[in-house]
């Protein structure tokens, strides 16, 4: 799994959460390549061209059946732009209503298809809203009773703990 962020001079926060297929050296190579691509392109204002270009570069590396799932977000002020490539949904706890909104953007992982058209979705955030970006590692975690955490439990825990500190929210989810 991979995560990264970049804060631009204009205050835009760009965040990436990803998951390379496979394990070991090849998956590590994919994550290293994605990290390099992210740092080269994080200043770009639009997410879709970043994903498209990253996918073309990763496909050209010819890592044979290794791909990169990635969720990217750009936050500026109260506007959050999201784009995904083969990743779980993003959850947004809405403080005003106490409900969890699911943003699901279905798309191919990076490096799998060179001409795939990625999409972007924008949402407005309000004070107290909480955004959860994740890889499949979170819902697929097992507790001591061998039960998977799953998406429903993530939503339930998020509703319970969202008003708390970010550190507390992370501790409760993990």
N, C-alpha and C. Protein backbone atom coordinates (compact mmCIF):
# COMPACT_ATOMS: atom_id res chain seq x y z
N UNK A 1 0.84 -1.18 0.00
CA UNK A 1 0.00 0.00 0.00
C UNK A 1 0.88 1.24 0.00
N UNK A 2 0.32 2.34 -0.46
CA UNK A 2 1.08 3.57 -0.66
C UNK A 2 0.21 4.77 -0.31
N UNK A 3 0.78 5.75 0.34
CA UNK A 3 0.10 7.03 0.52
C UNK A 3 1.13 8.14 0.43
N UNK A 4 0.68 9.30 0.01
CA UNK A 4 1.57 10.43 -0.14
C UNK A 4 0.74 11.70 -0.16
N UNK A 5 1.39 12.83 0.01
CA UNK A 5 0.70 14.11 -0.07
C UNK A 5 1.65 15.20 -0.52
N UNK A 6 1.07 16.27 -1.02
CA UNK A 6 1.85 17.43 -1.46
C UNK A 6 1.02 18.69 -1.16
N UNK A 7 1.66 19.68 -0.56
CA UNK A 7 1.01 20.95 -0.29
C UNK A 7 1.60 21.99 -1.22
N UNK A 8 0.79 22.51 -2.14
CA UNK A 8 1.24 23.50 -3.12
C UNK A 8 1.34 24.88 -2.48
N UNK A 9 2.04 25.75 -3.16
CA UNK A 9 2.21 27.12 -2.67
C UNK A 9 0.88 27.85 -2.53
N UNK A 10 -0.12 27.48 -3.34
CA UNK A 10 -1.42 28.14 -3.26
C UNK A 10 -2.33 27.53 -2.19
N UNK A 11 -1.81 26.57 -1.42
CA UNK A 11 -2.58 25.96 -0.34
C UNK A 11 -3.35 24.72 -0.73
N UNK A 12 -3.24 24.29 -1.98
CA UNK A 12 -3.93 23.06 -2.42
C UNK A 12 -3.20 21.84 -1.86
N UNK A 13 -3.95 20.99 -1.18
CA UNK A 13 -3.40 19.74 -0.66
C UNK A 13 -3.77 18.63 -1.63
N UNK A 14 -2.76 17.93 -2.15
CA UNK A 14 -2.98 16.78 -3.02
C UNK A 14 -2.60 15.53 -2.24
N UNK A 15 -3.51 14.56 -2.21
CA UNK A 15 -3.31 13.32 -1.45
C UNK A 15 -3.47 12.13 -2.38
N UNK A 16 -2.61 11.13 -2.19
CA UNK A 16 -2.72 9.88 -2.95
C UNK A 16 -2.74 8.71 -1.98
N UNK A 17 -3.63 7.76 -2.23
CA UNK A 17 -3.67 6.50 -1.49
C UNK A 17 -3.74 5.41 -2.55
N UNK A 18 -2.81 4.46 -2.48
CA UNK A 18 -2.77 3.45 -3.53
C UNK A 18 -2.45 2.06 -3.03
N UNK A 19 -2.54 1.13 -3.98
CA UNK A 19 -2.29 -0.27 -3.68
C UNK A 19 -1.77 -0.94 -4.95
N UNK A 20 -0.54 -1.41 -4.91
CA UNK A 20 0.04 -2.12 -6.04
C UNK A 20 -0.36 -3.59 -5.97
N UNK A 21 -0.61 -4.18 -7.14
CA UNK A 21 -0.91 -5.60 -7.17
C UNK A 21 0.37 -6.38 -6.89
N UNK A 22 0.21 -7.58 -6.41
CA UNK A 22 1.37 -8.44 -6.16
C UNK A 22 2.08 -8.10 -4.87
N UNK A 23 3.24 -8.70 -4.72
CA UNK A 23 4.04 -8.54 -3.50
C UNK A 23 5.51 -8.49 -3.90
N UNK A 24 6.32 -8.13 -2.95
CA UNK A 24 7.77 -8.21 -3.15
C UNK A 24 8.34 -7.12 -4.03
N UNK A 25 9.44 -7.47 -4.71
CA UNK A 25 10.22 -6.51 -5.47
C UNK A 25 9.43 -5.85 -6.59
N UNK A 26 8.64 -6.61 -7.34
CA UNK A 26 7.89 -6.01 -8.44
C UNK A 26 6.85 -5.02 -7.93
N UNK A 27 6.12 -5.38 -6.88
CA UNK A 27 5.14 -4.45 -6.31
C UNK A 27 5.86 -3.23 -5.75
N UNK A 28 7.01 -3.43 -5.14
CA UNK A 28 7.80 -2.31 -4.65
C UNK A 28 8.27 -1.40 -5.77
N UNK A 29 8.60 -1.99 -6.90
CA UNK A 29 9.00 -1.20 -8.07
C UNK A 29 7.82 -0.35 -8.55
N UNK A 30 6.62 -0.92 -8.56
CA UNK A 30 5.43 -0.20 -8.97
C UNK A 30 5.16 0.98 -8.03
N UNK A 31 5.26 0.75 -6.73
CA UNK A 31 5.02 1.83 -5.76
C UNK A 31 6.08 2.92 -5.91
N UNK A 32 7.34 2.53 -6.11
CA UNK A 32 8.41 3.51 -6.29
C UNK A 32 8.16 4.36 -7.54
N UNK A 33 7.75 3.72 -8.62
CA UNK A 33 7.44 4.46 -9.84
C UNK A 33 6.28 5.42 -9.61
N UNK A 34 5.25 4.97 -8.91
CA UNK A 34 4.09 5.83 -8.65
C UNK A 34 4.47 7.00 -7.76
N UNK A 35 5.31 6.75 -6.78
CA UNK A 35 5.78 7.83 -5.90
C UNK A 35 6.51 8.89 -6.73
N UNK A 36 7.35 8.47 -7.63
CA UNK A 36 8.08 9.41 -8.49
C UNK A 36 7.11 10.19 -9.38
N UNK A 37 6.15 9.49 -9.98
CA UNK A 37 5.16 10.16 -10.82
C UNK A 37 4.35 11.17 -10.00
N UNK A 38 3.95 10.78 -8.81
CA UNK A 38 3.17 11.68 -7.96
C UNK A 38 3.96 12.96 -7.66
N UNK A 39 5.21 12.81 -7.29
CA UNK A 39 6.00 13.99 -6.94
C UNK A 39 6.28 14.87 -8.16
N UNK A 40 6.34 14.30 -9.34
CA UNK A 40 6.53 15.09 -10.56
C UNK A 40 5.27 15.84 -10.96
N UNK A 41 4.10 15.26 -10.68
CA UNK A 41 2.85 15.83 -11.19
C UNK A 41 1.93 16.42 -10.14
N UNK A 42 2.28 16.37 -8.87
CA UNK A 42 1.36 16.80 -7.81
C UNK A 42 0.94 18.26 -7.94
N UNK A 43 1.74 19.07 -8.58
CA UNK A 43 1.40 20.49 -8.75
C UNK A 43 0.37 20.73 -9.86
N UNK A 44 0.14 19.72 -10.69
CA UNK A 44 -0.84 19.85 -11.77
C UNK A 44 -2.21 20.14 -11.16
N UNK A 45 -2.99 21.04 -11.78
CA UNK A 45 -4.27 21.43 -11.18
C UNK A 45 -5.38 20.38 -11.32
N UNK A 46 -5.30 19.49 -12.30
CA UNK A 46 -6.38 18.54 -12.56
C UNK A 46 -5.94 17.11 -12.29
N UNK A 47 -6.83 16.32 -11.73
CA UNK A 47 -6.52 14.93 -11.37
C UNK A 47 -6.55 13.98 -12.56
N UNK A 48 -7.53 14.12 -13.43
CA UNK A 48 -7.71 13.17 -14.53
C UNK A 48 -6.46 13.09 -15.42
N UNK A 49 -5.88 14.21 -15.85
CA UNK A 49 -4.64 14.10 -16.64
C UNK A 49 -3.49 13.45 -15.88
N UNK A 50 -3.45 13.67 -14.56
CA UNK A 50 -2.41 13.02 -13.75
C UNK A 50 -2.56 11.51 -13.78
N UNK A 51 -3.80 11.03 -13.63
CA UNK A 51 -4.03 9.58 -13.65
C UNK A 51 -3.76 9.01 -15.04
N UNK A 52 -4.21 9.70 -16.07
CA UNK A 52 -4.02 9.21 -17.44
C UNK A 52 -2.54 9.11 -17.78
N UNK A 53 -1.79 10.14 -17.47
CA UNK A 53 -0.34 10.13 -17.76
C UNK A 53 0.37 9.06 -16.93
N UNK A 54 0.01 8.94 -15.67
CA UNK A 54 0.62 7.91 -14.81
C UNK A 54 0.35 6.52 -15.37
N UNK A 55 -0.88 6.29 -15.82
CA UNK A 55 -1.23 4.99 -16.36
C UNK A 55 -0.42 4.67 -17.61
N UNK A 56 -0.24 5.67 -18.49
CA UNK A 56 0.56 5.45 -19.70
C UNK A 56 2.01 5.13 -19.35
N UNK A 57 2.58 5.85 -18.40
CA UNK A 57 3.98 5.62 -18.00
C UNK A 57 4.13 4.23 -17.38
N UNK A 58 3.22 3.87 -16.47
CA UNK A 58 3.32 2.56 -15.83
C UNK A 58 3.13 1.43 -16.83
N UNK A 59 2.21 1.61 -17.77
CA UNK A 59 2.00 0.59 -18.82
C UNK A 59 3.27 0.43 -19.66
N UNK A 60 3.93 1.55 -19.98
CA UNK A 60 5.16 1.50 -20.78
C UNK A 60 6.31 0.82 -20.06
N UNK A 61 6.25 0.77 -18.72
CA UNK A 61 7.30 0.09 -17.95
C UNK A 61 7.24 -1.43 -18.15
N UNK A 62 6.10 -1.93 -18.64
CA UNK A 62 5.93 -3.35 -18.95
C UNK A 62 6.27 -4.25 -17.76
N UNK A 63 5.61 -4.00 -16.64
CA UNK A 63 5.84 -4.81 -15.44
C UNK A 63 4.98 -6.07 -15.42
N UNK A 64 4.38 -6.41 -16.53
CA UNK A 64 3.63 -7.66 -16.71
C UNK A 64 2.65 -7.97 -15.59
N UNK A 65 1.45 -7.65 -15.82
CA UNK A 65 0.32 -7.93 -14.94
C UNK A 65 0.43 -7.30 -13.55
N UNK A 66 1.26 -6.29 -13.42
CA UNK A 66 1.28 -5.51 -12.19
C UNK A 66 0.63 -4.17 -12.47
N UNK A 67 -0.27 -3.78 -11.57
CA UNK A 67 -1.02 -2.56 -11.75
C UNK A 67 -1.01 -1.77 -10.45
N UNK A 68 -1.51 -0.54 -10.52
CA UNK A 68 -1.55 0.31 -9.35
C UNK A 68 -2.96 0.88 -9.19
N UNK A 69 -3.61 0.49 -8.11
CA UNK A 69 -4.87 1.13 -7.75
C UNK A 69 -4.51 2.44 -7.06
N UNK A 70 -5.27 3.49 -7.32
CA UNK A 70 -4.92 4.78 -6.74
C UNK A 70 -6.16 5.66 -6.60
N UNK A 71 -6.31 6.27 -5.44
CA UNK A 71 -7.28 7.32 -5.24
C UNK A 71 -6.48 8.60 -5.04
N UNK A 72 -6.86 9.64 -5.78
CA UNK A 72 -6.22 10.94 -5.60
C UNK A 72 -7.27 11.97 -5.24
N UNK A 73 -6.86 12.90 -4.39
CA UNK A 73 -7.74 13.98 -3.97
C UNK A 73 -6.99 15.29 -3.99
N UNK A 74 -7.69 16.34 -4.33
CA UNK A 74 -7.16 17.70 -4.23
C UNK A 74 -8.15 18.49 -3.37
N UNK A 75 -7.62 19.08 -2.32
CA UNK A 75 -8.44 19.87 -1.41
C UNK A 75 -7.94 21.30 -1.43
N UNK A 76 -8.85 22.20 -1.79
CA UNK A 76 -8.53 23.62 -1.75
C UNK A 76 -9.74 24.33 -1.17
N UNK A 77 -9.54 24.98 -0.03
CA UNK A 77 -10.66 25.57 0.67
C UNK A 77 -11.61 24.47 1.12
N UNK A 78 -12.88 24.60 0.75
CA UNK A 78 -13.83 23.55 1.13
C UNK A 78 -14.20 22.66 -0.05
N UNK A 79 -13.47 22.79 -1.19
CA UNK A 79 -13.74 21.96 -2.35
C UNK A 79 -12.78 20.77 -2.39
N UNK A 80 -13.35 19.58 -2.48
CA UNK A 80 -12.58 18.35 -2.58
C UNK A 80 -12.85 17.73 -3.94
N UNK A 81 -11.79 17.54 -4.72
CA UNK A 81 -11.89 16.84 -5.99
C UNK A 81 -11.32 15.44 -5.80
N UNK A 82 -12.02 14.44 -6.31
CA UNK A 82 -11.61 13.05 -6.17
C UNK A 82 -11.56 12.38 -7.54
N UNK A 83 -10.58 11.49 -7.70
CA UNK A 83 -10.51 10.62 -8.87
C UNK A 83 -9.91 9.30 -8.42
N UNK A 84 -10.41 8.21 -8.99
CA UNK A 84 -9.97 6.89 -8.55
C UNK A 84 -9.60 6.02 -9.74
N UNK A 85 -8.72 5.09 -9.47
CA UNK A 85 -8.31 4.09 -10.45
C UNK A 85 -8.25 2.74 -9.73
N UNK A 86 -9.36 2.03 -9.73
CA UNK A 86 -9.38 0.69 -9.15
C UNK A 86 -9.22 0.64 -7.64
N UNK A 87 -9.90 1.52 -6.92
CA UNK A 87 -9.78 1.58 -5.46
C UNK A 87 -11.15 1.54 -4.80
N UNK A 88 -11.16 1.25 -3.47
CA UNK A 88 -12.43 1.27 -2.73
C UNK A 88 -13.02 2.69 -2.70
N UNK A 89 -14.26 2.79 -2.27
CA UNK A 89 -14.89 4.11 -2.21
C UNK A 89 -14.22 5.01 -1.17
N UNK A 90 -14.48 6.29 -1.30
CA UNK A 90 -14.07 7.28 -0.30
C UNK A 90 -15.31 7.55 0.54
N UNK A 91 -15.15 7.60 1.86
CA UNK A 91 -16.25 7.90 2.76
C UNK A 91 -16.11 9.32 3.28
N UNK A 92 -17.22 10.02 3.32
CA UNK A 92 -17.25 11.36 3.89
C UNK A 92 -18.33 11.39 4.97
N UNK A 93 -17.88 11.57 6.19
CA UNK A 93 -18.82 11.75 7.30
C UNK A 93 -19.28 13.20 7.26
N UNK A 94 -20.58 13.39 7.17
CA UNK A 94 -21.16 14.73 7.12
C UNK A 94 -21.60 15.13 8.53
N UNK A 95 -20.88 16.07 9.11
CA UNK A 95 -21.14 16.50 10.49
C UNK A 95 -22.54 17.05 10.66
N UNK A 96 -23.05 17.76 9.67
CA UNK A 96 -24.36 18.38 9.76
C UNK A 96 -25.47 17.35 9.91
N UNK A 97 -25.35 16.20 9.21
CA UNK A 97 -26.42 15.19 9.23
C UNK A 97 -26.07 13.96 10.07
N UNK A 98 -24.77 13.78 10.37
CA UNK A 98 -24.35 12.59 11.10
C UNK A 98 -24.34 11.33 10.24
N UNK A 99 -24.36 11.50 8.92
CA UNK A 99 -24.39 10.36 8.01
C UNK A 99 -23.10 10.26 7.22
N UNK A 100 -22.86 9.07 6.66
CA UNK A 100 -21.67 8.82 5.85
C UNK A 100 -22.08 8.76 4.39
N UNK A 101 -21.44 9.61 3.60
CA UNK A 101 -21.65 9.63 2.15
C UNK A 101 -20.57 8.78 1.50
N UNK A 102 -20.94 7.98 0.54
CA UNK A 102 -19.98 7.14 -0.18
C UNK A 102 -19.75 7.70 -1.58
N UNK A 103 -18.48 7.94 -1.89
CA UNK A 103 -18.10 8.38 -3.23
C UNK A 103 -17.38 7.20 -3.89
N UNK A 104 -18.04 6.61 -4.86
CA UNK A 104 -17.48 5.45 -5.55
C UNK A 104 -17.31 5.79 -7.02
N UNK A 105 -16.05 5.79 -7.46
CA UNK A 105 -15.74 6.06 -8.86
C UNK A 105 -15.08 4.81 -9.42
N UNK A 106 -15.82 4.04 -10.17
CA UNK A 106 -15.31 2.80 -10.73
C UNK A 106 -14.38 3.10 -11.90
N UNK A 107 -13.19 2.51 -11.88
CA UNK A 107 -12.22 2.74 -12.96
C UNK A 107 -11.16 1.66 -12.94
N UNK A 108 -10.46 1.55 -14.06
CA UNK A 108 -9.38 0.56 -14.20
C UNK A 108 -8.15 1.01 -13.42
N UNK A 109 -7.39 0.06 -12.85
CA UNK A 109 -6.14 0.42 -12.18
C UNK A 109 -5.14 1.01 -13.17
N UNK A 110 -4.23 1.79 -12.65
CA UNK A 110 -3.20 2.41 -13.48
C UNK A 110 -2.27 1.34 -14.05
N UNK A 111 -1.86 1.54 -15.29
CA UNK A 111 -0.95 0.61 -15.95
C UNK A 111 -1.63 -0.53 -16.65
N UNK A 112 -2.96 -0.59 -16.57
CA UNK A 112 -3.66 -1.72 -17.19
C UNK A 112 -4.11 -1.41 -18.61
N UNK A 113 -4.61 -0.21 -18.85
CA UNK A 113 -5.12 0.18 -20.16
C UNK A 113 -4.62 1.59 -20.45
N UNK A 114 -3.97 1.78 -21.58
CA UNK A 114 -3.37 3.09 -21.86
C UNK A 114 -4.38 4.17 -22.22
N UNK A 115 -5.50 3.82 -22.76
CA UNK A 115 -6.44 4.84 -23.24
C UNK A 115 -7.69 4.97 -22.38
N UNK A 116 -7.66 4.48 -21.17
CA UNK A 116 -8.83 4.54 -20.30
C UNK A 116 -9.13 6.00 -19.95
N UNK A 117 -10.42 6.35 -19.92
CA UNK A 117 -10.82 7.71 -19.59
C UNK A 117 -11.25 7.75 -18.11
N UNK A 118 -10.42 8.35 -17.28
CA UNK A 118 -10.72 8.48 -15.85
C UNK A 118 -11.69 9.63 -15.63
N UNK A 119 -12.38 9.59 -14.50
CA UNK A 119 -13.36 10.61 -14.17
C UNK A 119 -13.01 11.27 -12.84
N UNK A 120 -13.58 12.44 -12.64
CA UNK A 120 -13.35 13.20 -11.42
C UNK A 120 -14.70 13.59 -10.84
N UNK A 121 -14.76 13.66 -9.52
CA UNK A 121 -15.97 14.12 -8.86
C UNK A 121 -15.58 15.17 -7.83
N UNK A 122 -16.36 16.24 -7.77
CA UNK A 122 -16.12 17.31 -6.79
C UNK A 122 -17.23 17.30 -5.75
N UNK A 123 -16.82 17.54 -4.51
CA UNK A 123 -17.79 17.68 -3.42
C UNK A 123 -17.36 18.86 -2.56
N UNK A 124 -18.33 19.46 -1.91
CA UNK A 124 -18.05 20.54 -0.97
C UNK A 124 -18.04 19.96 0.43
N UNK A 125 -17.08 20.41 1.21
CA UNK A 125 -16.98 19.97 2.60
C UNK A 125 -17.39 21.12 3.52
N UNK A 126 -17.90 20.76 4.68
CA UNK A 126 -18.28 21.72 5.69
C UNK A 126 -17.47 21.45 6.95
N UNK A 127 -17.46 22.41 7.84
CA UNK A 127 -16.74 22.26 9.10
C UNK A 127 -17.20 20.99 9.82
N UNK A 128 -16.24 20.18 10.25
CA UNK A 128 -16.54 18.96 10.98
C UNK A 128 -16.68 17.72 10.11
N UNK A 129 -16.74 17.87 8.79
CA UNK A 129 -16.79 16.70 7.91
C UNK A 129 -15.47 15.95 8.00
N UNK A 130 -15.52 14.64 7.82
CA UNK A 130 -14.34 13.78 7.89
C UNK A 130 -14.28 12.95 6.62
N UNK A 131 -13.10 12.95 5.98
CA UNK A 131 -12.90 12.19 4.75
C UNK A 131 -12.01 10.98 5.06
N UNK A 132 -12.45 9.80 4.61
CA UNK A 132 -11.66 8.58 4.78
C UNK A 132 -11.35 8.01 3.41
N UNK A 133 -10.06 8.02 3.08
CA UNK A 133 -9.55 7.38 1.86
C UNK A 133 -8.84 6.11 2.33
N UNK A 134 -9.03 5.01 1.61
CA UNK A 134 -8.46 3.74 2.08
C UNK A 134 -8.09 2.84 0.92
N UNK A 135 -7.20 1.90 1.23
CA UNK A 135 -6.97 0.79 0.31
C UNK A 135 -7.85 -0.36 0.78
N UNK A 136 -7.83 -1.46 0.06
CA UNK A 136 -8.64 -2.61 0.48
C UNK A 136 -8.08 -3.26 1.74
N UNK A 137 -6.90 -2.83 2.17
CA UNK A 137 -6.32 -3.38 3.40
C UNK A 137 -7.16 -3.10 4.63
N UNK A 138 -7.88 -1.98 4.67
CA UNK A 138 -8.70 -1.68 5.84
C UNK A 138 -9.94 -2.57 5.91
N UNK A 139 -10.79 -2.63 4.91
CA UNK A 139 -11.98 -3.49 5.04
C UNK A 139 -11.63 -4.98 5.09
N UNK A 140 -10.45 -5.36 4.62
CA UNK A 140 -10.06 -6.77 4.63
C UNK A 140 -9.26 -7.18 5.85
N UNK A 141 -9.11 -6.29 6.83
CA UNK A 141 -8.44 -6.64 8.10
C UNK A 141 -9.30 -7.64 8.87
N UNK A 142 -8.64 -8.53 9.59
CA UNK A 142 -9.35 -9.52 10.41
C UNK A 142 -9.13 -9.20 11.88
N UNK A 143 -10.18 -9.41 12.68
CA UNK A 143 -10.05 -9.27 14.12
C UNK A 143 -9.64 -10.62 14.71
N UNK A 144 -9.40 -10.68 16.03
CA UNK A 144 -8.98 -11.97 16.64
C UNK A 144 -9.96 -13.11 16.44
N UNK A 145 -11.24 -12.80 16.15
CA UNK A 145 -12.25 -13.84 15.91
C UNK A 145 -12.33 -14.23 14.44
N UNK A 146 -11.35 -13.79 13.64
CA UNK A 146 -11.29 -14.07 12.20
C UNK A 146 -12.45 -13.48 11.41
N UNK A 147 -13.00 -12.37 11.90
CA UNK A 147 -14.05 -11.66 11.17
C UNK A 147 -13.42 -10.50 10.41
N UNK A 148 -13.84 -10.34 9.15
CA UNK A 148 -13.34 -9.23 8.36
C UNK A 148 -14.00 -7.93 8.82
N UNK A 149 -13.23 -6.84 8.82
CA UNK A 149 -13.75 -5.54 9.25
C UNK A 149 -14.89 -5.10 8.33
N UNK A 150 -14.75 -5.17 7.07
CA UNK A 150 -15.70 -4.89 5.99
C UNK A 150 -16.17 -3.43 5.97
N UNK A 151 -16.82 -3.07 4.89
CA UNK A 151 -17.22 -1.68 4.65
C UNK A 151 -18.32 -1.20 5.59
N UNK A 152 -19.26 -2.07 5.93
CA UNK A 152 -20.34 -1.66 6.84
C UNK A 152 -19.79 -1.28 8.21
N UNK A 153 -18.82 -2.03 8.69
CA UNK A 153 -18.23 -1.71 10.00
C UNK A 153 -17.43 -0.41 9.94
N UNK A 154 -16.76 -0.18 8.81
CA UNK A 154 -16.02 1.08 8.67
C UNK A 154 -17.00 2.24 8.79
N UNK A 155 -18.12 2.15 8.10
CA UNK A 155 -19.13 3.21 8.15
C UNK A 155 -19.66 3.38 9.58
N UNK A 156 -19.95 2.29 10.25
CA UNK A 156 -20.48 2.35 11.62
C UNK A 156 -19.49 2.98 12.58
N UNK A 157 -18.24 2.55 12.49
CA UNK A 157 -17.20 3.12 13.37
C UNK A 157 -17.02 4.60 13.06
N UNK A 158 -17.02 4.95 11.80
CA UNK A 158 -16.84 6.35 11.41
C UNK A 158 -17.95 7.23 11.99
N UNK A 159 -19.18 6.78 11.95
CA UNK A 159 -20.29 7.55 12.52
C UNK A 159 -20.06 7.76 14.02
N UNK A 160 -19.57 6.75 14.70
CA UNK A 160 -19.34 6.85 16.15
C UNK A 160 -18.19 7.77 16.52
N UNK A 161 -17.11 7.74 15.74
CA UNK A 161 -15.88 8.42 16.17
C UNK A 161 -15.57 9.71 15.42
N UNK A 162 -16.31 10.04 14.37
CA UNK A 162 -15.99 11.20 13.54
C UNK A 162 -15.85 12.52 14.30
N UNK A 163 -16.63 12.76 15.35
CA UNK A 163 -16.46 14.03 16.06
C UNK A 163 -15.16 14.12 16.88
N UNK A 164 -14.43 13.04 16.99
CA UNK A 164 -13.20 13.00 17.79
C UNK A 164 -12.01 13.55 16.99
N UNK A 165 -10.83 13.46 17.56
CA UNK A 165 -9.60 13.92 16.90
C UNK A 165 -9.22 12.97 15.77
N UNK A 166 -8.47 13.48 14.78
CA UNK A 166 -8.01 12.58 13.70
C UNK A 166 -7.25 11.37 14.24
N UNK A 167 -6.39 11.57 15.22
CA UNK A 167 -5.63 10.46 15.78
C UNK A 167 -6.56 9.38 16.36
N UNK A 168 -7.58 9.80 17.07
CA UNK A 168 -8.53 8.87 17.65
C UNK A 168 -9.27 8.12 16.55
N UNK A 169 -9.69 8.83 15.52
CA UNK A 169 -10.41 8.19 14.41
C UNK A 169 -9.53 7.10 13.78
N UNK A 170 -8.28 7.42 13.52
CA UNK A 170 -7.36 6.43 12.93
C UNK A 170 -7.19 5.23 13.86
N UNK A 171 -7.01 5.49 15.15
CA UNK A 171 -6.83 4.39 16.12
C UNK A 171 -8.05 3.49 16.13
N UNK A 172 -9.24 4.05 16.09
CA UNK A 172 -10.46 3.24 16.14
C UNK A 172 -10.67 2.45 14.85
N UNK A 173 -10.31 3.03 13.72
CA UNK A 173 -10.44 2.30 12.45
C UNK A 173 -9.42 1.18 12.34
N UNK A 174 -8.24 1.38 12.91
CA UNK A 174 -7.23 0.32 12.82
C UNK A 174 -7.31 -0.63 13.99
